[in-house]
């Protein structure tokens, strides 16, 4: 049994397994409406998991890009002044933050000496 809330058009807006404040009815679990709701919830949950994975990898990619820019500067392929002024500021701020980690870098398995 599911406890539901419906809008003015009779469409499900909330479905719970326990009674809740504002519920407008009860529906058996084997109805097409509940099956469709649960299938949609599964799709949404899977999409959210993919989004979270992508967001975590975005954070990891920032570090990769930092390292790539450092490498290009170190090899003389580009200079920091080749980048737009706001990018220069952001890279310098990140470089200072990474250097500020000091002794913590060993804990993070990092072998950086700073990027500039």
Foldseek 3Di string as FASTA:
>chain_A
DWFFAADPVRATDDIDRDDDPRTDGDDDCPDPNNVVVVVVVVVVVVVVVVVVVVVVVVVVVVVVVLVVVLVCCVVVVDHLVVDPPVVSVVSVVVQVVVVVCPVCCVVVVDPDPGSD
